[in-house]
C-alpha cells in the first residue's frame, strides 16, 4: 500500500515539513529550473525554496521552450546563478537599480551543465556566483568541490546578499529537518562511519 503524502511538500504525512516552511517575500525573483531526475529526490531542496519564497517559480524539464518569455519579466534583470570563467560575484554587481531575476539550475553538476547546453538562452545569460559562501550543511553528500552548496543553500546565500538586511535563514529549517531525519533513519553509527570525516 503506498504511503500517504502531503499534497504540498510531497513528504510522507508522518514527516510533513509544512510547519517548518516559511513564507518569505523578496524583491529578487527566483526562477528554478529543475532537472526531472531531482523531482523524486528525498532532499528536493529546490522544491523547498519554491514553497518558502513568494517570488519564486519552479519549472521541471530539460528543454524549456518558454524560457525567453520567463526571462522577459518587465522590470527585472535576468542573471544565471552558476559558476564560470566570466561569473561575477554577487557582492560586486554594478548599481543597476532593477531587482534580479535569478535563474537557478537544479540538479547534479553534470545535469545542471546539461540544462545550460540544451537551453542556449540560459547559457547566454550573464553569470553571477557566490564568493566566500559558508560551508554546506548538507552532511549526507560529499561536495564535489570546495564551496559547493545545495540549491536551497545557494539561494539563501544569494538572497542574504541581494536583500540585506533581510534574513533568509528560516528557509533552511526544513532542510535541516530533512538532513536530521535521514541521519536518524540510517542510524547514528552508520552516519558516523560513512559521512563524518
Protein backbone atom coordinates (compact mmCIF):
# COMPACT_ATOMS: atom_id res chain seq x y z
CA UNK A 1 0.00 0.00 0.00
CA UNK A 2 1.53 3.38 -1.00
CA UNK A 3 2.43 5.83 1.75
CA UNK A 4 0.13 8.82 2.15
CA UNK A 5 1.98 12.00 1.18
CA UNK A 6 1.39 15.66 1.96
CA UNK A 7 -0.08 17.35 -1.13
CA UNK A 8 2.07 20.46 -0.55
CA UNK A 9 5.59 19.35 0.45
CA UNK A 10 5.21 15.79 -1.00
CA UNK A 11 6.78 14.22 2.08
CA UNK A 12 5.15 11.22 3.78
CA UNK A 13 2.37 12.54 6.06
CA UNK A 14 4.22 11.48 9.20
CA UNK A 15 7.28 13.51 8.03
CA UNK A 16 5.43 16.57 6.66
CA UNK A 17 7.64 19.69 6.63
CA UNK A 18 4.94 22.31 6.04
CA UNK A 19 5.05 23.64 9.62
CA UNK A 20 8.76 24.47 9.10
CA UNK A 21 8.44 26.09 5.66
CA UNK A 22 8.37 29.90 5.92
CA UNK A 23 6.51 32.35 3.69
CA UNK A 24 9.13 34.95 2.77
CA UNK A 25 8.94 37.94 0.44
CA UNK A 26 11.80 39.15 -1.75
CA UNK A 27 12.39 41.83 -4.37
CA UNK A 28 14.58 39.30 -6.20
CA UNK A 29 12.61 36.88 -8.35
CA UNK A 30 13.86 33.27 -8.32
CA UNK A 31 13.34 31.03 -11.35
CA UNK A 32 14.27 27.43 -10.53
CA UNK A 33 14.89 25.13 -13.49
CA UNK A 34 14.85 21.61 -12.11
CA UNK A 35 16.17 18.60 -13.96
CA UNK A 36 13.50 15.83 -13.90
CA UNK A 37 15.87 13.45 -12.05
CA UNK A 38 15.66 15.71 -8.97
CA UNK A 39 11.87 15.68 -8.59
CA UNK A 40 11.64 12.45 -6.59
CA UNK A 41 14.86 13.04 -4.65
CA UNK A 42 14.42 12.72 -0.88
CA UNK A 43 16.19 16.06 -0.37
CA UNK A 44 14.44 18.12 -3.04
CA UNK A 45 15.81 21.48 -1.93
CA UNK A 46 14.55 23.40 -4.97
CA UNK A 47 11.00 22.40 -4.05
CA UNK A 48 11.54 23.73 -0.52
CA UNK A 49 12.82 27.03 -1.92
CA UNK A 50 9.79 27.38 -4.21
CA UNK A 51 7.41 26.71 -1.30
CA UNK A 52 9.15 29.11 1.09
CA UNK A 53 9.56 32.12 -1.21
CA UNK A 54 6.60 34.13 -2.50
CA UNK A 55 8.57 35.41 -5.51
CA UNK A 56 9.82 32.02 -6.75
CA UNK A 57 8.78 29.83 -9.67
CA UNK A 58 9.76 26.17 -10.17
CA UNK A 59 9.82 24.61 -13.64
CA UNK A 60 10.78 20.98 -14.29
CA UNK A 61 12.27 19.74 -17.55
CA UNK A 62 15.36 19.54 -19.75
CA UNK A 63 14.38 21.85 -22.60
CA UNK A 64 12.42 24.96 -21.62
CA UNK A 65 10.71 26.36 -24.72
CA UNK A 66 9.09 29.14 -22.68
CA UNK A 67 12.39 30.32 -21.20
CA UNK A 68 12.59 33.52 -23.33
CA UNK A 69 9.15 34.59 -22.01
CA UNK A 70 10.10 33.80 -18.41
CA UNK A 71 13.30 35.83 -18.78
CA UNK A 72 11.45 38.83 -20.23
CA UNK A 73 9.84 39.77 -16.90
CA UNK A 74 9.30 43.57 -17.05
CA UNK A 75 11.41 45.45 -14.51
CA UNK A 76 13.78 42.56 -13.78
CA UNK A 77 17.37 41.94 -14.79
CA UNK A 78 17.98 38.22 -15.52
CA UNK A 79 21.18 36.54 -14.30
CA UNK A 80 22.23 32.90 -14.02
CA UNK A 81 23.48 31.73 -10.62
CA UNK A 82 26.18 29.34 -11.78
CA UNK A 83 29.99 29.37 -11.60
CA UNK A 84 32.05 30.03 -14.70
CA UNK A 85 35.01 31.98 -16.03
CA UNK A 86 33.04 35.20 -16.50
CA UNK A 87 30.81 34.80 -13.45
CA UNK A 88 30.71 37.95 -11.36
CA UNK A 89 30.45 37.71 -7.55
CA UNK A 90 27.01 38.88 -6.44
CA UNK A 91 28.67 41.26 -3.98
CA UNK A 92 30.29 43.10 -6.89
CA UNK A 93 27.27 43.65 -9.15
CA UNK A 94 27.02 47.16 -10.59
CA UNK A 95 24.47 49.68 -9.39
CA UNK A 96 21.63 48.77 -11.79
CA UNK A 97 18.56 49.53 -9.67
CA UNK A 98 16.37 46.79 -11.18
CA UNK A 99 15.87 43.72 -9.00
CA UNK A 100 17.38 40.48 -10.28
CA UNK A 101 15.56 37.61 -11.89
CA UNK A 102 17.92 34.98 -10.53
CA UNK A 103 17.81 31.81 -12.63
CA UNK A 104 18.98 28.75 -10.69
CA UNK A 105 19.51 25.36 -12.36
CA UNK A 106 18.78 22.45 -10.03
CA UNK A 107 20.44 19.07 -10.48
CA UNK A 108 23.80 17.40 -10.08
CA UNK A 109 26.64 19.46 -11.56
CA UNK A 110 26.55 17.27 -14.66
CA UNK A 111 22.77 17.63 -15.08
CA UNK A 112 22.92 21.39 -14.45
CA UNK A 113 25.56 21.76 -17.17
CA UNK A 114 23.31 19.73 -19.47
CA UNK A 115 20.46 22.20 -18.84
CA UNK A 116 22.76 25.03 -19.95
CA UNK A 117 23.81 23.07 -23.04
CA UNK A 118 20.20 22.28 -24.04
CA UNK A 119 18.92 25.83 -23.43
CA UNK A 120 21.05 28.41 -25.29
CA UNK A 121 19.05 31.32 -23.79
CA UNK A 122 20.11 30.08 -20.37
CA UNK A 123 23.78 29.72 -21.29
CA UNK A 124 23.74 33.25 -22.79
CA UNK A 125 22.70 34.94 -19.53
CA UNK A 126 25.21 36.98 -17.51
CA UNK A 127 26.51 34.72 -14.74
CA UNK A 128 26.75 35.52 -11.07
CA UNK A 129 28.37 33.48 -8.35
CA UNK A 130 28.79 33.37 -4.59
CA UNK A 131 32.11 34.43 -3.14
CA UNK A 132 33.03 33.27 0.37
CA UNK A 133 29.89 31.20 0.92
CA UNK A 134 29.50 29.44 4.26
CA UNK A 135 30.29 25.71 4.26
CA UNK A 136 27.40 23.47 3.24
CA UNK A 137 25.12 21.99 5.89
CA UNK A 138 24.44 19.07 3.53
CA UNK A 139 26.23 16.48 5.66
CA UNK A 140 24.96 13.48 3.68
CA UNK A 141 26.69 14.17 0.39
CA UNK A 142 30.34 14.86 -0.24
CA UNK A 143 30.73 18.18 -2.06
CA UNK A 144 32.31 17.75 -5.50
CA UNK A 145 34.36 20.94 -4.99
CA UNK A 146 35.13 23.48 -2.30
CA UNK A 147 32.29 25.94 -1.79
CA UNK A 148 29.63 23.66 -3.34
CA UNK A 149 26.17 24.19 -1.84
CA UNK A 150 22.76 22.61 -2.25
CA UNK A 151 20.34 24.61 -4.42
CA UNK A 152 18.48 25.86 -1.35
CA UNK A 153 21.68 26.92 0.44
CA UNK A 154 22.86 28.80 -2.67
CA UNK A 155 19.54 30.66 -2.90
CA UNK A 156 19.65 31.60 0.80
CA UNK A 157 23.24 32.86 0.45
CA UNK A 158 22.33 34.87 -2.68
CA UNK A 159 19.24 36.42 -1.13
CA UNK A 160 21.12 37.41 2.02
CA UNK A 161 23.49 39.40 -0.21
CA UNK A 162 20.83 40.88 -2.51
CA UNK A 163 18.15 41.58 0.08
CA UNK A 164 20.28 42.64 3.08
CA UNK A 165 19.49 43.33 5.86
CA UNK A 166 16.51 40.95 5.43
CA UNK A 167 17.39 37.42 6.55
CA UNK A 168 16.51 34.13 4.82
CA UNK A 169 17.94 31.61 7.30
CA UNK A 170 14.38 30.39 8.03
CA UNK A 171 14.38 28.69 4.60
CA UNK A 172 16.97 26.26 5.95
CA UNK A 173 14.80 24.93 8.81
CA UNK A 174 13.00 22.27 6.71
CA UNK A 175 16.33 21.42 5.03
CA UNK A 176 17.98 20.84 8.43
CA UNK A 177 14.98 18.71 9.49
CA UNK A 178 15.32 16.60 6.32
CA UNK A 179 19.02 16.02 6.98
CA UNK A 180 18.36 15.08 10.63
CA UNK A 181 15.56 12.72 9.50
CA UNK A 182 17.86 10.99 7.01
CA UNK A 183 20.57 10.60 9.67
CA UNK A 184 18.04 9.18 12.14
CA UNK A 185 16.76 6.72 9.51
CA UNK A 186 20.24 5.39 8.72
CA UNK A 187 21.30 5.33 12.38
CA UNK A 188 23.96 7.44 14.04
CA UNK A 189 26.65 4.72 13.77
CA UNK A 190 26.15 4.29 10.01
CA UNK A 191 26.19 8.07 9.54
CA UNK A 192 29.46 8.42 11.51
CA UNK A 193 31.08 5.56 9.61
CA UNK A 194 30.09 6.74 6.13
CA UNK A 195 29.71 10.51 6.27
CA UNK A 196 31.85 12.03 9.03
CA UNK A 197 35.49 12.76 8.45
